[in-house]
Amino acid sequence: MRYFIAALVLMSTCNLALADHVNGYMKSNGTYVQGYERSAPNGTVQDNYSYRGNTNPYTGQQGTNRYTHDTTSSYYQGPNAQGQSGHDSASENNSAGDSYSH
């Protein structure tokens, strides 16, 4: 029983380290964006909740974003129309039109 409890504590601690909470904020156009959980930034898009094939554990939503202009994506197709690659090209990364989020 003692090992079971220790394992649960360890697993919950690991899950907390893999996620970031983003506080709600007001956009410049007056739209309020509600707070949300995202995968922790780590230099790759392949473990983002919105990445194609992944599932957001908080919402159950399936990821559809391919990040085609991010060099860390297995779907990388080169720079966007502005010549940007990587996270700087986030708004151009998704052919399905989803917003960029972790």
PDB file of N, CA and C in Angstrom:
ATOM      1  N   MET A   1       0.824  -1.192   0.000  1.00  0.00           N
ATOM      2  CA  MET A   1       0.000   0.000   0.000  1.00  0.00           C
ATOM      3  C   MET A   1       0.864   1.250   0.000  1.00  0.00           C
ATOM      4  N   ARG A   2       1.938   1.213   0.750  1.00  0.00           N
ATOM      5  CA  ARG A   2       2.829   2.365   0.843  1.00  0.00           C
ATOM      6  C   ARG A   2       3.435   2.682  -0.536  1.00  0.00           C
ATOM      7  N   TYR A   3       3.788   1.645  -1.310  1.00  0.00           N
ATOM      8  CA  TYR A   3       4.363   1.849  -2.640  1.00  0.00           C
ATOM      9  C   TYR A   3       3.332   2.406  -3.611  1.00  0.00           C
ATOM     10  N   PHE A   4       2.093   1.963  -3.456  1.00  0.00           N
ATOM     11  CA  PHE A   4       1.016   2.453  -4.308  1.00  0.00           C
ATOM     12  C   PHE A   4       0.814   3.947  -4.109  1.00  0.00           C
ATOM     13  N   ILE A   5       0.770   4.393  -2.869  1.00  0.00           N
ATOM     14  CA  ILE A   5       0.596   5.818  -2.570  1.00  0.00           C
ATOM     15  C   ILE A   5       1.787   6.618  -3.085  1.00  0.00           C
ATOM     16  N   ALA A   6       2.988   6.094  -2.895  1.00  0.00           N
ATOM     17  CA  ALA A   6       4.188   6.777  -3.387  1.00  0.00           C
ATOM     18  C   ALA A   6       4.151   6.904  -4.911  1.00  0.00           C
ATOM     19  N   ALA A   7       3.690   5.869  -5.588  1.00  0.00           N
ATOM     20  CA  ALA A   7       3.596   5.907  -7.048  1.00  0.00           C
ATOM     21  C   ALA A   7       2.578   6.943  -7.505  1.00  0.00           C
ATOM     22  N   LEU A   8       1.447   7.040  -6.816  1.00  0.00           N
ATOM     23  CA  LEU A   8       0.443   8.045  -7.160  1.00  0.00           C
ATOM     24  C   LEU A   8       0.982   9.455  -6.983  1.00  0.00           C
ATOM     25  N   VAL A   9       1.680   9.700  -5.900  1.00  0.00           N
ATOM     26  CA  VAL A   9       2.264  11.024  -5.657  1.00  0.00           C
ATOM     27  C   VAL A   9       3.277  11.350  -6.744  1.00  0.00           C
ATOM     28  N   LEU A  10       4.115  10.403  -7.095  1.00  0.00           N
ATOM     29  CA  LEU A  10       5.120  10.615  -8.127  1.00  0.00           C
ATOM     30  C   LEU A  10       4.477  10.904  -9.483  1.00  0.00           C
ATOM     31  N   MET A  11       3.445  10.150  -9.835  1.00  0.00           N
ATOM     32  CA  MET A  11       2.770  10.364 -11.114  1.00  0.00           C
ATOM     33  C   MET A  11       2.108  11.729 -11.166  1.00  0.00           C
ATOM     34  N   SER A  12       1.461  12.173 -10.112  1.00  0.00           N
ATOM     35  CA  SER A  12       0.808  13.472 -10.123  1.00  0.00           C
ATOM     36  C   SER A  12       1.829  14.590 -10.195  1.00  0.00           C
ATOM     37  N   THR A  13       2.980  14.415  -9.555  1.00  0.00           N
ATOM     38  CA  THR A  13       4.044  15.412  -9.624  1.00  0.00           C
ATOM     39  C   THR A  13       4.598  15.505 -11.034  1.00  0.00           C
ATOM     40  N   CYS A  14       4.792  14.379 -11.702  1.00  0.00           N
ATOM     41  CA  CYS A  14       5.294  14.369 -13.079  1.00  0.00           C
ATOM     42  C   CYS A  14       4.314  15.052 -14.014  1.00  0.00           C
ATOM     43  N   ASN A  15       3.024  14.799 -13.859  1.00  0.00           N
ATOM     44  CA  ASN A  15       2.024  15.434 -14.709  1.00  0.00           C
ATOM     45  C   ASN A  15       2.027  16.938 -14.535  1.00  0.00           C
ATOM     46  N   LEU A  16       2.217  17.427 -13.313  1.00  0.00           N
ATOM     47  CA  LEU A  16       2.267  18.864 -13.089  1.00  0.00           C
ATOM     48  C   LEU A  16       3.465  19.489 -13.789  1.00  0.00           C
ATOM     49  N   ALA A  17       4.565  18.775 -13.849  1.00  0.00           N
ATOM     50  CA  ALA A  17       5.765  19.300 -14.491  1.00  0.00           C
ATOM     51  C   ALA A  17       5.625  19.349 -16.011  1.00  0.00           C
ATOM     52  N   LEU A  18       4.696  18.597 -16.580  1.00  0.00           N
ATOM     53  CA  LEU A  18       4.529  18.535 -18.023  1.00  0.00           C
ATOM     54  C   LEU A  18       3.500  19.521 -18.550  1.00  0.00           C
ATOM     55  N   ALA A  19       2.887  20.297 -17.668  1.00  0.00           N
ATOM     56  CA  ALA A  19       1.839  21.222 -18.094  1.00  0.00           C
ATOM     57  C   ALA A  19       2.072  22.605 -17.504  1.00  0.00           C
ATOM     58  N   ASP A  20       1.591  23.604 -18.225  1.00  0.00           N
ATOM     59  CA  ASP A  20       1.623  24.999 -17.780  1.00  0.00           C
ATOM     60  C   ASP A  20       0.200  25.519 -17.742  1.00  0.00           C
ATOM     61  N   HIS A  21      -0.086  26.338 -16.741  1.00  0.00           N
ATOM     62  CA  HIS A  21      -1.372  27.034 -16.724  1.00  0.00           C
ATOM     63  C   HIS A  21      -1.156  28.421 -17.298  1.00  0.00           C
ATOM     64  N   VAL A  22      -1.992  28.802 -18.242  1.00  0.00           N
ATOM     65  CA  VAL A  22      -1.958  30.138 -18.822  1.00  0.00           C
ATOM     66  C   VAL A  22      -3.156  30.895 -18.262  1.00  0.00           C
ATOM     67  N   ASN A  23      -2.890  32.000 -17.580  1.00  0.00           N
ATOM     68  CA  ASN A  23      -3.967  32.813 -17.022  1.00  0.00           C
ATOM     69  C   ASN A  23      -4.755  33.487 -18.135  1.00  0.00           C
ATOM     70  N   GLY A  24      -6.008  33.766 -17.866  1.00  0.00           N
ATOM     71  CA  GLY A  24      -6.827  34.494 -18.816  1.00  0.00           C
ATOM     72  C   GLY A  24      -6.259  35.883 -19.050  1.00  0.00           C
ATOM     73  N   TYR A  25      -6.542  36.440 -20.220  1.00  0.00           N
ATOM     74  CA  TYR A  25      -6.028  37.768 -20.550  1.00  0.00           C
ATOM     75  C   TYR A  25      -6.942  38.457 -21.560  1.00  0.00           C
ATOM     76  N   MET A  26      -6.781  39.776 -21.670  1.00  0.00           N
ATOM     77  CA  MET A  26      -7.557  40.573 -22.603  1.00  0.00           C
ATOM     78  C   MET A  26      -6.705  40.851 -23.839  1.00  0.00           C
ATOM     79  N   LYS A  27      -7.233  40.550 -25.015  1.00  0.00           N
ATOM     80  CA  LYS A  27      -6.531  40.836 -26.263  1.00  0.00           C
ATOM     81  C   LYS A  27      -6.681  42.318 -26.594  1.00  0.00           C
ATOM     82  N   SER A  28      -5.836  42.803 -27.474  1.00  0.00           N
ATOM     83  CA  SER A  28      -5.856  44.230 -27.828  1.00  0.00           C
ATOM     84  C   SER A  28      -7.178  44.652 -28.471  1.00  0.00           C
ATOM     85  N   ASN A  29      -7.922  43.703 -29.054  1.00  0.00           N
ATOM     86  CA  ASN A  29      -9.203  44.036 -29.673  1.00  0.00           C
ATOM     87  C   ASN A  29     -10.375  43.963 -28.687  1.00  0.00           C
ATOM     88  N   GLY A  30     -10.063  43.733 -27.384  1.00  0.00           N
ATOM     89  CA  GLY A  30     -11.090  43.698 -26.357  1.00  0.00           C
ATOM     90  C   GLY A  30     -11.659  42.317 -26.060  1.00  0.00           C
ATOM     91  N   THR A  31     -11.238  41.301 -26.770  1.00  0.00           N
ATOM     92  CA  THR A  31     -11.716  39.941 -26.550  1.00  0.00           C
ATOM     93  C   THR A  31     -10.999  39.331 -25.354  1.00  0.00           C
ATOM     94  N   TYR A  32     -11.765  38.727 -24.434  1.00  0.00           N
ATOM     95  CA  TYR A  32     -11.165  38.056 -23.288  1.00  0.00           C
ATOM     96  C   TYR A  32     -10.888  36.602 -23.637  1.00  0.00           C
ATOM     97  N   VAL A  33      -9.676  36.144 -23.369  1.00  0.00           N
ATOM     98  CA  VAL A  33      -9.285  34.753 -23.586  1.00  0.00           C
ATOM     99  C   VAL A  33      -9.248  34.084 -22.222  1.00  0.00           C
ATOM    100  N   GLN A  34     -10.061  33.059 -22.034  1.00  0.00           N
ATOM    101  CA  GLN A  34     -10.136  32.351 -20.763  1.00  0.00           C
ATOM    102  C   GLN A  34      -8.855  31.567 -20.518  1.00  0.00           C
ATOM    103  N   GLY A  35      -8.452  31.426 -19.260  1.00  0.00           N
ATOM    104  CA  GLY A  35      -7.270  30.656 -18.895  1.00  0.00           C
ATOM    105  C   GLY A  35      -7.383  29.213 -19.354  1.00  0.00           C
ATOM    106  N   TYR A  36      -6.236  28.572 -19.564  1.00  0.00           N
ATOM    107  CA  TYR A  36      -6.242  27.191 -20.051  1.00  0.00           C
ATOM    108  C   TYR A  36      -4.933  26.507 -19.663  1.00  0.00           C
ATOM    109  N   GLU A  37      -4.901  25.190 -19.817  1.00  0.00           N
ATOM    110  CA  GLU A  37      -3.704  24.389 -19.577  1.00  0.00           C
ATOM    111  C   GLU A  37      -3.045  24.095 -20.923  1.00  0.00           C
ATOM    112  N   ARG A  38      -1.731  24.088 -20.954  1.00  0.00           N
ATOM    113  CA  ARG A  38      -1.012  23.736 -22.173  1.00  0.00           C
ATOM    114  C   ARG A  38       0.197  22.898 -21.804  1.00  0.00           C
ATOM    115  N   SER A  39       0.721  22.176 -22.772  1.00  0.00           N
ATOM    116  CA  SER A  39       1.940  21.418 -22.524  1.00  0.00           C
ATOM    117  C   SER A  39       3.080  22.407 -22.289  1.00  0.00           C
ATOM    118  N   ALA A  40       4.015  22.016 -21.452  1.00  0.00           N
ATOM    119  CA  ALA A  40       5.123  22.910 -21.098  1.00  0.00           C
ATOM    120  C   ALA A  40       6.010  23.163 -22.315  1.00  0.00           C
ATOM    121  N   PRO A  41       6.438  24.411 -22.516  1.00  0.00           N
ATOM    122  CA  PRO A  41       7.340  24.721 -23.639  1.00  0.00           C
ATOM    123  C   PRO A  41       8.651  23.946 -23.513  1.00  0.00           C
ATOM    124  N   ASN A  42       9.092  23.336 -24.633  1.00  0.00           N
ATOM    125  CA  ASN A  42      10.317  22.547 -24.569  1.00  0.00           C
ATOM    126  C   ASN A  42      11.079  22.492 -25.884  1.00  0.00           C
ATOM    127  N   GLY A  43      10.755  23.331 -26.833  1.00  0.00           N
ATOM    128  CA  GLY A  43      11.521  23.376 -28.073  1.00  0.00           C
ATOM    129  C   GLY A  43      11.054  22.437 -29.168  1.00  0.00           C
ATOM    130  N   THR A  44       9.941  21.754 -28.981  1.00  0.00           N
ATOM    131  CA  THR A  44       9.387  20.899 -30.030  1.00  0.00           C
ATOM    132  C   THR A  44       7.867  21.034 -30.028  1.00  0.00           C
ATOM    133  N   VAL A  45       7.270  20.848 -31.192  1.00  0.00           N
ATOM    134  CA  VAL A  45       5.811  20.917 -31.282  1.00  0.00           C
ATOM    135  C   VAL A  45       5.165  19.541 -31.193  1.00  0.00           C
ATOM    136  N   GLN A  46       5.951  18.483 -31.293  1.00  0.00           N
ATOM    137  CA  GLN A  46       5.383  17.143 -31.401  1.00  0.00           C
ATOM    138  C   GLN A  46       4.672  16.658 -30.149  1.00  0.00           C
ATOM    139  N   ASP A  47       4.925  17.285 -28.996  1.00  0.00           N
ATOM    140  CA  ASP A  47       4.186  16.894 -27.797  1.00  0.00           C
ATOM    141  C   ASP A  47       3.152  17.940 -27.383  1.00  0.00           C
ATOM    142  N   ASN A  48       2.899  18.927 -28.243  1.00  0.00           N
ATOM    143  CA  ASN A  48       1.843  19.895 -27.963  1.00  0.00           C
ATOM    144  C   ASN A  48       0.483  19.210 -28.038  1.00  0.00           C
ATOM    145  N   TYR A  49      -0.438  19.627 -27.193  1.00  0.00           N
ATOM    146  CA  TYR A  49      -1.776  19.028 -27.198  1.00  0.00           C
ATOM    147  C   TYR A  49      -2.462  19.210 -28.542  1.00  0.00           C
ATOM    148  N   SER A  50      -2.164  20.305 -29.253  1.00  0.00           N
ATOM    149  CA  SER A  50      -2.821  20.574 -30.523  1.00  0.00           C
ATOM    150  C   SER A  50      -2.155  19.868 -31.706  1.00  0.00           C
ATOM    151  N   TYR A  51      -1.025  19.200 -31.477  1.00  0.00           N
ATOM    152  CA  TYR A  51      -0.320  18.509 -32.563  1.00  0.00           C
ATOM    153  C   TYR A  51      -1.136  17.307 -33.037  1.00  0.00           C
ATOM    154  N   ARG A  52      -1.191  17.132 -34.334  1.00  0.00           N
ATOM    155  CA  ARG A  52      -1.980  16.057 -34.947  1.00  0.00           C
ATOM    156  C   ARG A  52      -1.648  14.707 -34.302  1.00  0.00           C
ATOM    157  N   GLY A  53      -2.667  14.002 -33.834  1.00  0.00           N
ATOM    158  CA  GLY A  53      -2.504  12.684 -33.227  1.00  0.00           C
ATOM    159  C   GLY A  53      -2.442  12.706 -31.707  1.00  0.00           C
ATOM    160  N   ASN A  54      -2.214  13.879 -31.101  1.00  0.00           N
ATOM    161  CA  ASN A  54      -2.183  13.976 -29.642  1.00  0.00           C
ATOM    162  C   ASN A  54      -3.570  14.323 -29.112  1.00  0.00           C
ATOM    163  N   THR A  55      -3.790  14.064 -27.832  1.00  0.00           N
ATOM    164  CA  THR A  55      -5.058  14.375 -27.190  1.00  0.00           C
ATOM    165  C   THR A  55      -4.811  15.268 -25.987  1.00  0.00           C
ATOM    166  N   ASN A  56      -5.579  16.331 -25.869  1.00  0.00           N
ATOM    167  CA  ASN A  56      -5.487  17.211 -24.712  1.00  0.00           C
ATOM    168  C   ASN A  56      -6.120  16.479 -23.525  1.00  0.00           C
ATOM    169  N   PRO A  57      -5.342  16.189 -22.466  1.00  0.00           N
ATOM    170  CA  PRO A  57      -5.881  15.415 -21.349  1.00  0.00           C
ATOM    171  C   PRO A  57      -6.901  16.189 -20.520  1.00  0.00           C
ATOM    172  N   TYR A  58      -6.952  17.500 -20.666  1.00  0.00           N
ATOM    173  CA  TYR A  58      -7.892  18.320 -19.900  1.00  0.00           C
ATOM    174  C   TYR A  58      -9.237  18.462 -20.592  1.00  0.00           C
ATOM    175  N   THR A  59      -9.238  18.426 -21.936  1.00  0.00           N
ATOM    176  CA  THR A  59     -10.483  18.628 -22.676  1.00  0.00           C
ATOM    177  C   THR A  59     -10.923  17.398 -23.459  1.00  0.00           C
ATOM    178  N   GLY A  60      -9.992  16.463 -23.693  1.00  0.00           N
ATOM    179  CA  GLY A  60     -10.293  15.301 -24.518  1.00  0.00           C
ATOM    180  C   GLY A  60     -10.260  15.610 -26.005  1.00  0.00           C
ATOM    181  N   GLN A  61      -9.950  16.847 -26.380  1.00  0.00           N
ATOM    182  CA  GLN A  61      -9.940  17.253 -27.784  1.00  0.00           C
ATOM    183  C   GLN A  61      -8.719  16.688 -28.505  1.00  0.00           C
ATOM    184  N   GLN A  62      -8.946  16.156 -29.699  1.00  0.00           N
ATOM    185  CA  GLN A  62      -7.876  15.611 -30.536  1.00  0.00           C
ATOM    186  C   GLN A  62      -7.128  16.738 -31.231  1.00  0.00           C
ATOM    187  N   GLY A  63      -5.806  16.634 -31.270  1.00  0.00           N
ATOM    188  CA  GLY A  63      -4.995  17.617 -31.976  1.00  0.00           C
ATOM    189  C   GLY A  63      -5.091  17.424 -33.478  1.00  0.00           C
ATOM    190  N   THR A  64      -5.127  18.523 -34.215  1.00  0.00           N
ATOM    191  CA  THR A  64      -5.217  18.471 -35.675  1.00  0.00           C
ATOM    192  C   THR A  64      -4.118  19.284 -36.352  1.00  0.00           C
ATOM    193  N   ASN A  65      -3.359  20.056 -35.602  1.00  0.00           N
ATOM    194  CA  ASN A  65      -2.361  20.947 -36.164  1.00  0.00           C
ATOM    195  C   ASN A  65      -1.124  20.166 -36.598  1.00  0.00           C
ATOM    196  N   ARG A  66      -0.675  20.391 -37.816  1.00  0.00           N
ATOM    197  CA  ARG A  66       0.509  19.705 -38.334  1.00  0.00           C
ATOM    198  C   ARG A  66       1.771  20.544 -38.178  1.00  0.00           C
ATOM    199  N   TYR A  67       1.632  21.829 -37.911  1.00  0.00           N
ATOM    200  CA  TYR A  67       2.781  22.743 -37.791  1.00  0.00           C
ATOM    201  C   TYR A  67       3.725  22.554 -38.982  1.00  0.00           C
ATOM    202  N   THR A  68       3.195  22.727 -40.178  1.00  0.00           N
ATOM    203  CA  THR A  68       3.953  22.445 -41.399  1.00  0.00           C
ATOM    204  C   THR A  68       5.145  23.375 -41.618  1.00  0.00           C
ATOM    205  N   HIS A  69       5.215  24.486 -40.900  1.00  0.00           N
ATOM    206  CA  HIS A  69       6.332  25.420 -41.060  1.00  0.00           C
ATOM    207  C   HIS A  69       7.247  25.430 -39.845  1.00  0.00           C
ATOM    208  N   ASP A  70       7.118  24.440 -38.975  1.00  0.00           N
ATOM    209  CA  ASP A  70       7.989  24.330 -37.805  1.00  0.00           C
ATOM    210  C   ASP A  70       8.960  23.177 -38.029  1.00  0.00           C
ATOM    211  N   THR A  71      10.240  23.457 -37.925  1.00  0.00           N
ATOM    212  CA  THR A  71      11.256  22.454 -38.238  1.00  0.00           C
ATOM    213  C   THR A  71      11.226  21.254 -37.298  1.00  0.00           C
ATOM    214  N   THR A  72      10.591  21.368 -36.136  1.00  0.00           N
ATOM    215  CA  THR A  72      10.513  20.231 -35.216  1.00  0.00           C
ATOM    216  C   THR A  72       9.342  19.306 -35.528  1.00  0.00           C
ATOM    217  N   SER A  73       8.533  19.661 -36.512  1.00  0.00           N
ATOM    218  CA  SER A  73       7.376  18.853 -36.890  1.00  0.00           C
ATOM    219  C   SER A  73       7.760  17.808 -37.925  1.00  0.00           C
ATOM    220  N   SER A  74       7.196  16.619 -37.788  1.00  0.00           N
ATOM    221  CA  SER A  74       7.431  15.592 -38.808  1.00  0.00           C
ATOM    222  C   SER A  74       6.688  15.925 -40.104  1.00  0.00           C
ATOM    223  N   TYR A  75       5.823  16.942 -40.085  1.00  0.00           N
ATOM    224  CA  TYR A  75       5.086  17.395 -41.272  1.00  0.00           C
ATOM    225  C   TYR A  75       5.729  18.626 -41.913  1.00  0.00           C
ATOM    226  N   TYR A  76       6.932  18.987 -41.496  1.00  0.00           N
ATOM    227  CA  TYR A  76       7.602  20.207 -41.966  1.00  0.00           C
ATOM    228  C   TYR A  76       7.671  20.244 -43.485  1.00  0.00           C
ATOM    229  N   GLN A  77       7.258  21.398 -44.071  1.00  0.00           N
ATOM    230  CA  GLN A  77       7.264  21.561 -45.523  1.00  0.00           C
ATOM    231  C   GLN A  77       8.077  22.763 -45.964  1.00  0.00           C
ATOM    232  N   GLY A  78       8.820  23.368 -45.062  1.00  0.00           N
ATOM    233  CA  GLY A  78       9.616  24.540 -45.407  1.00  0.00           C
ATOM    234  C   GLY A  78       9.032  25.805 -44.784  1.00  0.00           C
ATOM    235  N   PRO A  79       9.713  26.937 -44.991  1.00  0.00           N
ATOM    236  CA  PRO A  79       9.263  28.211 -44.411  1.00  0.00           C
ATOM    237  C   PRO A  79       7.894  28.632 -44.948  1.00  0.00           C
ATOM    238  N   ASN A  80       7.224  29.507 -44.197  1.00  0.00           N
ATOM    239  CA  ASN A  80       5.935  30.035 -44.653  1.00  0.00           C
ATOM    240  C   ASN A  80       6.162  31.115 -45.710  1.00  0.00           C
ATOM    241  N   ALA A  81       5.104  31.771 -46.158  1.00  0.00           N
ATOM    242  CA  ALA A  81       5.190  32.772 -47.221  1.00  0.00           C
ATOM    243  C   ALA A  81       6.076  33.963 -46.843  1.00  0.00           C
ATOM    244  N   GLN A  82       6.231  34.211 -45.533  1.00  0.00           N
ATOM    245  CA  GLN A  82       7.074  35.307 -45.067  1.00  0.00           C
ATOM    246  C   GLN A  82       8.517  34.846 -44.834  1.00  0.00           C
ATOM    247  N   GLY A  83       8.824  33.595 -45.163  1.00  0.00           N
ATOM    248  CA  GLY A  83      10.163  33.070 -44.993  1.00  0.00           C
ATOM    249  C   GLY A  83      10.479  32.624 -43.578  1.00  0.00           C
ATOM    250  N   GLN A  84       9.459  32.489 -42.727  1.00  0.00           N
ATOM    251  CA  GLN A  84       9.662  32.112 -41.330  1.00  0.00           C
ATOM    252  C   GLN A  84       9.509  30.609 -41.140  1.00  0.00           C
ATOM    253  N   SER A  85      10.329  30.070 -40.255  1.00  0.00           N
ATOM    254  CA  SER A  85      10.206  28.677 -39.825  1.00  0.00           C
ATOM    255  C   SER A  85      10.200  28.651 -38.309  1.00  0.00           C
ATOM    256  N   GLY A  86       9.628  27.608 -37.732  1.00  0.00           N
ATOM    257  CA  GLY A  86       9.626  27.470 -36.285  1.00  0.00           C
ATOM    258  C   GLY A  86       8.448  28.158 -35.646  1.00  0.00           C
ATOM    259  N   HIS A  87       8.558  28.421 -34.345  1.00  0.00           N
ATOM    260  CA  HIS A  87       7.443  28.984 -33.592  1.00  0.00           C
ATOM    261  C   HIS A  87       7.076  30.390 -34.048  1.00  0.00           C
ATOM    262  N   ASP A  88       7.993  31.116 -34.696  1.00  0.00           N
ATOM    263  CA  ASP A  88       7.684  32.449 -35.216  1.00  0.00           C
ATOM    264  C   ASP A  88       6.629  32.396 -36.301  1.00  0.00           C
ATOM    265  N   SER A  89       6.498  31.259 -36.956  1.00  0.00           N
ATOM    266  CA  SER A  89       5.542  31.119 -38.042  1.00  0.00           C
ATOM    267  C   SER A  89       4.249  30.467 -37.581  1.00  0.00           C
ATOM    268  N   ALA A  90       3.958  30.524 -36.285  1.00  0.00           N
ATOM    269  CA  ALA A  90       2.837  29.794 -35.689  1.00  0.00           C
ATOM    270  C   ALA A  90       1.512  30.050 -36.379  1.00  0.00           C
ATOM    271  N   SER A  91       1.216  31.280 -36.730  1.00  0.00           N
ATOM    272  CA  SER A  91      -0.090  31.567 -37.312  1.00  0.00           C
ATOM    273  C   SER A  91      -0.238  30.967 -38.708  1.00  0.00           C
ATOM    274  N   GLU A  92       0.851  30.593 -39.329  1.00  0.00           N
ATOM    275  CA  GLU A  92       0.809  30.011 -40.669  1.00  0.00           C
ATOM    276  C   GLU A  92       0.983  28.497 -40.656  1.00  0.00           C
ATOM    277  N   ASN A  93       1.145  27.897 -39.472  1.00  0.00           N
ATOM    278  CA  ASN A  93       1.527  26.486 -39.394  1.00  0.00           C
ATOM    279  C   ASN A  93       0.435  25.502 -39.729  1.00  0.00           C
ATOM    280  N   ASN A  94      -0.789  25.861 -39.624  1.00  0.00           N
ATOM    281  CA  ASN A  94      -1.823  24.858 -39.675  1.00  0.00           C
ATOM    282  C   ASN A  94      -2.681  25.000 -40.921  1.00  0.00           C
ATOM    283  N   SER A  95      -2.671  23.996 -41.743  1.00  0.00           N
ATOM    284  CA  SER A  95      -3.503  24.009 -42.928  1.00  0.00           C
ATOM    285  C   SER A  95      -4.975  23.836 -42.604  1.00  0.00           C
ATOM    286  N   ALA A  96      -5.296  23.335 -41.412  1.00  0.00           N
ATOM    287  CA  ALA A  96      -6.690  23.125 -41.018  1.00  0.00           C
ATOM    288  C   ALA A  96      -7.301  24.380 -40.413  1.00  0.00           C
ATOM    289  N   GLY A  97      -6.487  25.420 -40.129  1.00  0.00           N
ATOM    290  CA  GLY A  97      -7.025  26.658 -39.615  1.00  0.00           C
ATOM    291  C   GLY A  97      -7.116  26.742 -38.107  1.00  0.00           C
ATOM    292  N   ASP A  98      -6.639  25.751 -37.379  1.00  0.00           N
ATOM    293  CA  ASP A  98      -6.684  25.819 -35.918  1.00  0.00           C
ATOM    294  C   ASP A  98      -5.685  26.832 -35.411  1.00  0.00           C
ATOM    295  N   SER A  99      -5.968  27.406 -34.270  1.00  0.00           N
ATOM    296  CA  SER A  99      -5.036  28.370 -33.690  1.00  0.00           C
ATOM    297  C   SER A  99      -3.854  27.635 -33.067  1.00  0.00           C
ATOM    298  N   TYR A 100      -2.759  28.353 -32.922  1.00  0.00           N
ATOM    299  CA  TYR A 100      -1.543  27.795 -32.340  1.00  0.00           C
ATOM    300  C   TYR A 100      -1.676  27.754 -30.842  1.00  0.00           C
ATOM    301  N   SER A 101      -1.550  26.602 -30.263  1.00  0.00           N
ATOM    302  CA  SER A 101      -1.550  26.475 -28.807  1.00  0.00           C
ATOM    303  C   SER A 101      -0.828  25.206 -28.418  1.00  0.00           C
ATOM    304  N   HIS A 102      -0.350  25.196 -27.212  1.00  0.00           N
ATOM    305  CA  HIS A 102       0.402  24.030 -26.733  1.00  0.00           C
ATOM    306  C   HIS A 102      -0.488  23.001 -26.154  1.00  0.00           C
TER     307      HIS A 102
END
